[in-house]
Amino acid sequence: MKVFITKYALTKGIYQVEARRVVGTIDMLEIPTARGTMSQYLHGLDWHITHESAVMKAEAMRRKKIASLKKQLSKLEEMKFE
C-alpha cells in the first residue's frame, strides 16, 4: 500500500513509499529497502494513508518546532554574562 511518511518531515519533507502493515498490529508499517537489507519500521503517527492528513501532521510539527525555537531564543536573549 502507498503511504506518506511524516517522521522526518522537518528535515526531509513528506515522502511517499510503498509499505506493508506488520501482521498482528494496527499502526505499524514495514518499508522494505531497495537492497534487501534491514527494513524500516514506522509506528503510529509517523505515516499516513492520505496526503492531506500527512500535510496536517507536518504543519502541526512545524508549528510545535517554531514555538520551541521561540522559547529557546527568548531564554538566550534573557541570558546575561558578567
PDB file of N, CA and C in Angstrom:
ATOM      1  N   MET A   1       0.836  -1.180   0.000  1.00  0.00           N
ATOM      2  CA  MET A   1       0.000   0.000   0.000  1.00  0.00           C
ATOM      3  C   MET A   1       0.878   1.240   0.000  1.00  0.00           C
ATOM      4  N   LYS A   2       0.414   2.302  -0.624  1.00  0.00           N
ATOM      5  CA  LYS A   2       1.157   3.550  -0.671  1.00  0.00           C
ATOM      6  C   LYS A   2       0.797   4.387   0.548  1.00  0.00           C
ATOM      7  N   VAL A   3       1.845   4.894   1.224  1.00  0.00           N
ATOM      8  CA  VAL A   3       1.640   5.719   2.413  1.00  0.00           C
ATOM      9  C   VAL A   3       2.546   6.937   2.332  1.00  0.00           C
ATOM     10  N   PHE A   4       2.225   7.928   3.140  1.00  0.00           N
ATOM     11  CA  PHE A   4       3.003   9.154   3.213  1.00  0.00           C
ATOM     12  C   PHE A   4       3.705   9.197   4.565  1.00  0.00           C
ATOM     13  N   ILE A   5       5.011   9.408   4.546  1.00  0.00           N
ATOM     14  CA  ILE A   5       5.825   9.384   5.752  1.00  0.00           C
ATOM     15  C   ILE A   5       6.063  10.817   6.235  1.00  0.00           C
ATOM     16  N   THR A   6       5.779  11.044   7.542  1.00  0.00           N
ATOM     17  CA  THR A   6       5.994  12.369   8.123  1.00  0.00           C
ATOM     18  C   THR A   6       7.020  12.356   9.249  1.00  0.00           C
ATOM     19  N   LYS A   7       7.605  11.209   9.532  1.00  0.00           N
ATOM     20  CA  LYS A   7       8.552  11.106  10.645  1.00  0.00           C
ATOM     21  C   LYS A   7       9.688  12.116  10.507  1.00  0.00           C
ATOM     22  N   TYR A   8      10.166  12.319   9.307  1.00  0.00           N
ATOM     23  CA  TYR A   8      11.280  13.235   9.063  1.00  0.00           C
ATOM     24  C   TYR A   8      10.827  14.470   8.270  1.00  0.00           C
ATOM     25  N   ALA A   9       9.584  14.881   8.454  1.00  0.00           N
ATOM     26  CA  ALA A   9       9.009  15.963   7.650  1.00  0.00           C
ATOM     27  C   ALA A   9       9.779  17.275   7.783  1.00  0.00           C
ATOM     28  N   LEU A  10      10.337  17.552   8.954  1.00  0.00           N
ATOM     29  CA  LEU A  10      11.024  18.832   9.151  1.00  0.00           C
ATOM     30  C   LEU A  10      12.442  18.822   8.586  1.00  0.00           C
ATOM     31  N   THR A  11      12.950  17.674   8.198  1.00  0.00           N
ATOM     32  CA  THR A  11      14.296  17.611   7.620  1.00  0.00           C
ATOM     33  C   THR A  11      14.282  17.124   6.177  1.00  0.00           C
ATOM     34  N   LYS A  12      13.448  16.133   5.875  1.00  0.00           N
ATOM     35  CA  LYS A  12      13.414  15.561   4.531  1.00  0.00           C
ATOM     36  C   LYS A  12      12.127  15.876   3.772  1.00  0.00           C
ATOM     37  N   GLY A  13      11.144  16.421   4.479  1.00  0.00           N
ATOM     38  CA  GLY A  13       9.847  16.664   3.863  1.00  0.00           C
ATOM     39  C   GLY A  13       8.958  15.430   3.936  1.00  0.00           C
ATOM     40  N   ILE A  14       7.786  15.530   3.365  1.00  0.00           N
ATOM     41  CA  ILE A  14       6.849  14.406   3.304  1.00  0.00           C
ATOM     42  C   ILE A  14       7.188  13.602   2.055  1.00  0.00           C
ATOM     43  N   TYR A  15       7.279  12.295   2.205  1.00  0.00           N
ATOM     44  CA  TYR A  15       7.535  11.484   1.013  1.00  0.00           C
ATOM     45  C   TYR A  15       6.634  10.252   1.010  1.00  0.00           C
ATOM     46  N   GLN A  16       6.415   9.742  -0.187  1.00  0.00           N
ATOM     47  CA  GLN A  16       5.515   8.614  -0.390  1.00  0.00           C
ATOM     48  C   GLN A  16       6.334   7.353  -0.653  1.00  0.00           C
ATOM     49  N   VAL A  17       5.928   6.246  -0.014  1.00  0.00           N
ATOM     50  CA  VAL A  17       6.611   4.969  -0.206  1.00  0.00           C
ATOM     51  C   VAL A  17       5.586   3.845  -0.313  1.00  0.00           C
ATOM     52  N   GLU A  18       6.054   2.735  -0.806  1.00  0.00           N
ATOM     53  CA  GLU A  18       5.253   1.511  -0.827  1.00  0.00           C
ATOM     54  C   GLU A  18       5.607   0.742   0.444  1.00  0.00           C
ATOM     55  N   ALA A  19       4.610   0.396   1.242  1.00  0.00           N
ATOM     56  CA  ALA A  19       4.844  -0.278   2.517  1.00  0.00           C
ATOM     57  C   ALA A  19       3.797  -1.362   2.734  1.00  0.00           C
ATOM     58  N   ARG A  20       4.008  -2.139   3.785  1.00  0.00           N
ATOM     59  CA  ARG A  20       3.009  -3.145   4.156  1.00  0.00           C
ATOM     60  C   ARG A  20       2.851  -3.133   5.675  1.00  0.00           C
ATOM     61  N   ARG A  21       1.644  -3.445   6.098  1.00  0.00           N
ATOM     62  CA  ARG A  21       1.364  -3.485   7.536  1.00  0.00           C
ATOM     63  C   ARG A  21       2.045  -4.703   8.147  1.00  0.00           C
ATOM     64  N   VAL A  22       2.514  -4.532   9.370  1.00  0.00           N
ATOM     65  CA  VAL A  22       3.103  -5.648  10.091  1.00  0.00           C
ATOM     66  C   VAL A  22       1.961  -6.487  10.652  1.00  0.00           C
ATOM     67  N   VAL A  23       2.015  -7.776  10.413  1.00  0.00           N
ATOM     68  CA  VAL A  23       0.949  -8.689  10.862  1.00  0.00           C
ATOM     69  C   VAL A  23       0.814  -8.617  12.379  1.00  0.00           C
ATOM     70  N   GLY A  24      -0.414  -8.525  12.836  1.00  0.00           N
ATOM     71  CA  GLY A  24      -0.695  -8.507  14.267  1.00  0.00           C
ATOM     72  C   GLY A  24      -0.733  -7.121  14.882  1.00  0.00           C
ATOM     73  N   THR A  25      -0.459  -6.081  14.113  1.00  0.00           N
ATOM     74  CA  THR A  25      -0.538  -4.721  14.645  1.00  0.00           C
ATOM     75  C   THR A  25      -1.435  -3.873  13.763  1.00  0.00           C
ATOM     76  N   ILE A  26      -1.930  -2.806  14.335  1.00  0.00           N
ATOM     77  CA  ILE A  26      -2.799  -1.903  13.584  1.00  0.00           C
ATOM     78  C   ILE A  26      -2.015  -0.733  13.018  1.00  0.00           C
ATOM     79  N   ASP A  27      -1.038  -0.251  13.792  1.00  0.00           N
ATOM     80  CA  ASP A  27      -0.391   1.004  13.412  1.00  0.00           C
ATOM     81  C   ASP A  27       1.084   0.877  13.038  1.00  0.00           C
ATOM     82  N   MET A  28       1.584  -0.321  12.807  1.00  0.00           N
ATOM     83  CA  MET A  28       2.995  -0.484  12.448  1.00  0.00           C
ATOM     84  C   MET A  28       3.128  -0.870  10.983  1.00  0.00           C
ATOM     85  N   LEU A  29       4.081  -0.204  10.314  1.00  0.00           N
ATOM     86  CA  LEU A  29       4.359  -0.491   8.905  1.00  0.00           C
ATOM     87  C   LEU A  29       5.781  -0.972   8.736  1.00  0.00           C
ATOM     88  N   GLU A  30       5.995  -1.789   7.713  1.00  0.00           N
ATOM     89  CA  GLU A  30       7.332  -2.194   7.318  1.00  0.00           C
ATOM     90  C   GLU A  30       7.593  -1.637   5.931  1.00  0.00           C
ATOM     91  N   ILE A  31       8.747  -0.977   5.789  1.00  0.00           N
ATOM     92  CA  ILE A  31       9.145  -0.447   4.492  1.00  0.00           C
ATOM     93  C   ILE A  31      10.408  -1.196   4.074  1.00  0.00           C
ATOM     94  N   PRO A  32      10.267  -2.102   3.116  1.00  0.00           N
ATOM     95  CA  PRO A  32      11.457  -2.840   2.672  1.00  0.00           C
ATOM     96  C   PRO A  32      12.446  -1.910   1.978  1.00  0.00           C
ATOM     97  N   THR A  33      13.733  -2.185   2.133  1.00  0.00           N
ATOM     98  CA  THR A  33      14.753  -1.378   1.481  1.00  0.00           C
ATOM     99  C   THR A  33      15.007  -1.904   0.076  1.00  0.00           C
ATOM    100  N   ALA A  34      15.598  -1.070  -0.742  1.00  0.00           N
ATOM    101  CA  ALA A  34      15.848  -1.425  -2.141  1.00  0.00           C
ATOM    102  C   ALA A  34      16.877  -2.543  -2.271  1.00  0.00           C
ATOM    103  N   ARG A  35      17.840  -2.595  -1.367  1.00  0.00           N
ATOM    104  CA  ARG A  35      18.911  -3.573  -1.472  1.00  0.00           C
ATOM    105  C   ARG A  35      18.649  -4.839  -0.671  1.00  0.00           C
ATOM    106  N   GLY A  36      17.486  -4.958  -0.082  1.00  0.00           N
ATOM    107  CA  GLY A  36      17.152  -6.157   0.661  1.00  0.00           C
ATOM    108  C   GLY A  36      17.784  -6.244   2.037  1.00  0.00           C
ATOM    109  N   THR A  37      18.334  -5.135   2.530  1.00  0.00           N
ATOM    110  CA  THR A  37      18.893  -5.133   3.877  1.00  0.00           C
ATOM    111  C   THR A  37      17.772  -4.927   4.876  1.00  0.00           C
ATOM    112  N   MET A  38      18.086  -4.527   6.070  1.00  0.00           N
ATOM    113  CA  MET A  38      17.074  -4.356   7.114  1.00  0.00           C
ATOM    114  C   MET A  38      15.961  -3.404   6.672  1.00  0.00           C
ATOM    115  N   SER A  39      14.759  -3.791   6.948  1.00  0.00           N
ATOM    116  CA  SER A  39      13.604  -2.946   6.626  1.00  0.00           C
ATOM    117  C   SER A  39      13.483  -1.827   7.646  1.00  0.00           C
ATOM    118  N   GLN A  40      12.759  -0.787   7.263  1.00  0.00           N
ATOM    119  CA  GLN A  40      12.462   0.315   8.173  1.00  0.00           C
ATOM    120  C   GLN A  40      11.062   0.076   8.725  1.00  0.00           C
ATOM    121  N   TYR A  41      10.870   0.318  10.015  1.00  0.00           N
ATOM    122  CA  TYR A  41       9.574   0.153  10.647  1.00  0.00           C
ATOM    123  C   TYR A  41       9.095   1.490  11.181  1.00  0.00           C
ATOM    124  N   LEU A  42       7.833   1.783  10.951  1.00  0.00           N
ATOM    125  CA  LEU A  42       7.239   3.037  11.413  1.00  0.00           C
ATOM    126  C   LEU A  42       6.009   2.740  12.254  1.00  0.00           C
ATOM    127  N   HIS A  43       5.820   3.543  13.283  1.00  0.00           N
ATOM    128  CA  HIS A  43       4.708   3.361  14.211  1.00  0.00           C
ATOM    129  C   HIS A  43       3.790   4.571  14.202  1.00  0.00           C
ATOM    130  N   GLY A  44       2.566   4.352  14.598  1.00  0.00           N
ATOM    131  CA  GLY A  44       1.624   5.415  14.922  1.00  0.00           C
ATOM    132  C   GLY A  44       1.490   6.544  13.933  1.00  0.00           C
ATOM    133  N   LEU A  45       1.797   7.750  14.407  1.00  0.00           N
ATOM    134  CA  LEU A  45       1.561   8.955  13.609  1.00  0.00           C
ATOM    135  C   LEU A  45       2.730   9.332  12.709  1.00  0.00           C
ATOM    136  N   ASP A  46       3.663   8.416  12.485  1.00  0.00           N
ATOM    137  CA  ASP A  46       4.790   8.680  11.591  1.00  0.00           C
ATOM    138  C   ASP A  46       4.431   8.449  10.131  1.00  0.00           C
ATOM    139  N   TRP A  47       3.258   7.875   9.865  1.00  0.00           N
ATOM    140  CA  TRP A  47       2.834   7.611   8.495  1.00  0.00           C
ATOM    141  C   TRP A  47       1.337   7.871   8.364  1.00  0.00           C
ATOM    142  N   HIS A  48       0.909   8.139   7.128  1.00  0.00           N
ATOM    143  CA  HIS A  48      -0.492   8.490   6.868  1.00  0.00           C
ATOM    144  C   HIS A  48      -0.934   7.875   5.546  1.00  0.00           C
ATOM    145  N   ILE A  49      -2.199   7.567   5.468  1.00  0.00           N
ATOM    146  CA  ILE A  49      -2.755   6.976   4.249  1.00  0.00           C
ATOM    147  C   ILE A  49      -3.037   8.049   3.209  1.00  0.00           C
ATOM    148  N   THR A  50      -3.432   9.245   3.658  1.00  0.00           N
ATOM    149  CA  THR A  50      -3.739  10.321   2.711  1.00  0.00           C
ATOM    150  C   THR A  50      -2.712  11.443   2.811  1.00  0.00           C
ATOM    151  N   HIS A  51      -2.513  12.110   1.692  1.00  0.00           N
ATOM    152  CA  HIS A  51      -1.582  13.240   1.658  1.00  0.00           C
ATOM    153  C   HIS A  51      -2.088  14.376   2.541  1.00  0.00           C
ATOM    154  N   GLU A  52      -3.385  14.567   2.589  1.00  0.00           N
ATOM    155  CA  GLU A  52      -3.976  15.642   3.384  1.00  0.00           C
ATOM    156  C   GLU A  52      -3.667  15.457   4.868  1.00  0.00           C
ATOM    157  N   SER A  53      -3.804  14.241   5.382  1.00  0.00           N
ATOM    158  CA  SER A  53      -3.511  14.016   6.798  1.00  0.00           C
ATOM    159  C   SER A  53      -2.014  14.151   7.067  1.00  0.00           C
ATOM    160  N   ALA A  54      -1.184  13.783   6.109  1.00  0.00           N
ATOM    161  CA  ALA A  54       0.264  13.943   6.253  1.00  0.00           C
ATOM    162  C   ALA A  54       0.632  15.423   6.319  1.00  0.00           C
ATOM    163  N   VAL A  55       0.006  16.239   5.491  1.00  0.00           N
ATOM    164  CA  VAL A  55       0.265  17.684   5.494  1.00  0.00           C
ATOM    165  C   VAL A  55      -0.194  18.293   6.819  1.00  0.00           C
ATOM    166  N   MET A  56      -1.329  17.880   7.318  1.00  0.00           N
ATOM    167  CA  MET A  56      -1.815  18.384   8.603  1.00  0.00           C
ATOM    168  C   MET A  56      -0.836  18.051   9.719  1.00  0.00           C
ATOM    169  N   LYS A  57      -0.320  16.836   9.743  1.00  0.00           N
ATOM    170  CA  LYS A  57       0.645  16.421  10.763  1.00  0.00           C
ATOM    171  C   LYS A  57       1.939  17.227  10.624  1.00  0.00           C
ATOM    172  N   ALA A  58       2.432  17.392   9.398  1.00  0.00           N
ATOM    173  CA  ALA A  58       3.665  18.144   9.173  1.00  0.00           C
ATOM    174  C   ALA A  58       3.506  19.601   9.600  1.00  0.00           C
ATOM    175  N   GLU A  59       2.361  20.195   9.338  1.00  0.00           N
ATOM    176  CA  GLU A  59       2.102  21.575   9.761  1.00  0.00           C
ATOM    177  C   GLU A  59       2.097  21.671  11.284  1.00  0.00           C
ATOM    178  N   ALA A  60       1.494  20.699  11.958  1.00  0.00           N
ATOM    179  CA  ALA A  60       1.488  20.688  13.424  1.00  0.00           C
ATOM    180  C   ALA A  60       2.914  20.541  13.958  1.00  0.00           C
ATOM    181  N   MET A  61       3.715  19.697  13.326  1.00  0.00           N
ATOM    182  CA  MET A  61       5.115  19.534  13.728  1.00  0.00           C
ATOM    183  C   MET A  61       5.881  20.838  13.544  1.00  0.00           C
ATOM    184  N   ARG A  62       5.616  21.525  12.432  1.00  0.00           N
ATOM    185  CA  ARG A  62       6.284  22.792  12.137  1.00  0.00           C
ATOM    186  C   ARG A  62       5.937  23.854  13.176  1.00  0.00           C
ATOM    187  N   ARG A  63       4.650  23.966  13.493  1.00  0.00           N
ATOM    188  CA  ARG A  63       4.214  24.947  14.489  1.00  0.00           C
ATOM    189  C   ARG A  63       4.835  24.659  15.857  1.00  0.00           C
ATOM    190  N   LYS A  64       4.877  23.389  16.235  1.00  0.00           N
ATOM    191  CA  LYS A  64       5.459  22.992  17.522  1.00  0.00           C
ATOM    192  C   LYS A  64       6.951  23.318  17.563  1.00  0.00           C
ATOM    193  N   LYS A  65       7.660  23.075  16.476  1.00  0.00           N
ATOM    194  CA  LYS A  65       9.094  23.365  16.409  1.00  0.00           C
ATOM    195  C   LYS A  65       9.351  24.867  16.473  1.00  0.00           C
ATOM    196  N   ILE A  66       8.540  25.653  15.786  1.00  0.00           N
ATOM    197  CA  ILE A  66       8.678  27.111  15.829  1.00  0.00           C
ATOM    198  C   ILE A  66       8.479  27.620  17.247  1.00  0.00           C
ATOM    199  N   ALA A  67       7.464  27.114  17.941  1.00  0.00           N
ATOM    200  CA  ALA A  67       7.214  27.536  19.321  1.00  0.00           C
ATOM    201  C   ALA A  67       8.396  27.170  20.216  1.00  0.00           C
ATOM    202  N   SER A  68       8.944  26.002  20.014  1.00  0.00           N
ATOM    203  CA  SER A  68      10.099  25.562  20.791  1.00  0.00           C
ATOM    204  C   SER A  68      11.309  26.459  20.535  1.00  0.00           C
ATOM    205  N   LEU A  69      11.547  26.795  19.280  1.00  0.00           N
ATOM    206  CA  LEU A  69      12.677  27.655  18.939  1.00  0.00           C
ATOM    207  C   LEU A  69      12.495  29.074  19.485  1.00  0.00           C
ATOM    208  N   LYS A  70      11.266  29.583  19.470  1.00  0.00           N
ATOM    209  CA  LYS A  70      10.996  30.910  20.036  1.00  0.00           C
ATOM    210  C   LYS A  70      11.291  30.915  21.534  1.00  0.00           C
ATOM    211  N   LYS A  71      10.891  29.848  22.213  1.00  0.00           N
ATOM    212  CA  LYS A  71      11.147  29.731  23.642  1.00  0.00           C
ATOM    213  C   LYS A  71      12.654  29.671  23.898  1.00  0.00           C
ATOM    214  N   GLN A  72      13.365  28.914  23.101  1.00  0.00           N
ATOM    215  CA  GLN A  72      14.815  28.806  23.230  1.00  0.00           C
ATOM    216  C   GLN A  72      15.494  30.148  22.973  1.00  0.00           C
ATOM    217  N   LEU A  73      15.046  30.855  21.942  1.00  0.00           N
ATOM    218  CA  LEU A  73      15.591  32.168  21.616  1.00  0.00           C
ATOM    219  C   LEU A  73      15.341  33.158  22.751  1.00  0.00           C
ATOM    220  N   SER A  74      14.153  33.118  23.324  1.00  0.00           N
ATOM    221  CA  SER A  74      13.813  34.006  24.430  1.00  0.00           C
ATOM    222  C   SER A  74      14.746  33.772  25.613  1.00  0.00           C
ATOM    223  N   LYS A  75      15.009  32.518  25.931  1.00  0.00           N
ATOM    224  CA  LYS A  75      15.921  32.196  27.036  1.00  0.00           C
ATOM    225  C   LYS A  75      17.331  32.710  26.740  1.00  0.00           C
ATOM    226  N   LEU A  76      17.770  32.577  25.505  1.00  0.00           N
ATOM    227  CA  LEU A  76      19.104  33.050  25.136  1.00  0.00           C
ATOM    228  C   LEU A  76      19.197  34.573  25.209  1.00  0.00           C
ATOM    229  N   GLU A  77      18.139  35.264  24.799  1.00  0.00           N
ATOM    230  CA  GLU A  77      18.135  36.719  24.834  1.00  0.00           C
ATOM    231  C   GLU A  77      18.154  37.245  26.264  1.00  0.00           C
ATOM    232  N   GLU A  78      17.538  36.524  27.182  1.00  0.00           N
ATOM    233  CA  GLU A  78      17.485  36.950  28.584  1.00  0.00           C
ATOM    234  C   GLU A  78      18.774  36.630  29.332  1.00  0.00           C
ATOM    235  N   MET A  79      19.611  35.790  28.772  1.00  0.00           N
ATOM    236  CA  MET A  79      20.833  35.362  29.436  1.00  0.00           C
ATOM    237  C   MET A  79      21.824  36.523  29.539  1.00  0.00           C
ATOM    238  N   LYS A  80      22.428  36.671  30.698  1.00  0.00           N
ATOM    239  CA  LYS A  80      23.422  37.723  30.941  1.00  0.00           C
ATOM    240  C   LYS A  80      24.725  37.086  31.411  1.00  0.00           C
ATOM    241  N   PHE A  81      25.832  37.586  30.898  1.00  0.00           N
ATOM    242  CA  PHE A  81      27.143  37.124  31.325  1.00  0.00           C
ATOM    243  C   PHE A  81      27.866  38.271  32.018  1.00  0.00           C
ATOM    244  N   GLU A  82      28.452  37.962  33.127  1.00  0.00           N
ATOM    245  CA  GLU A  82      29.171  39.005  33.877  1.00  0.00           C
ATOM    246  C   GLU A  82      30.575  38.562  34.169  1.00  0.00           C
TER     247      GLU A  82
END
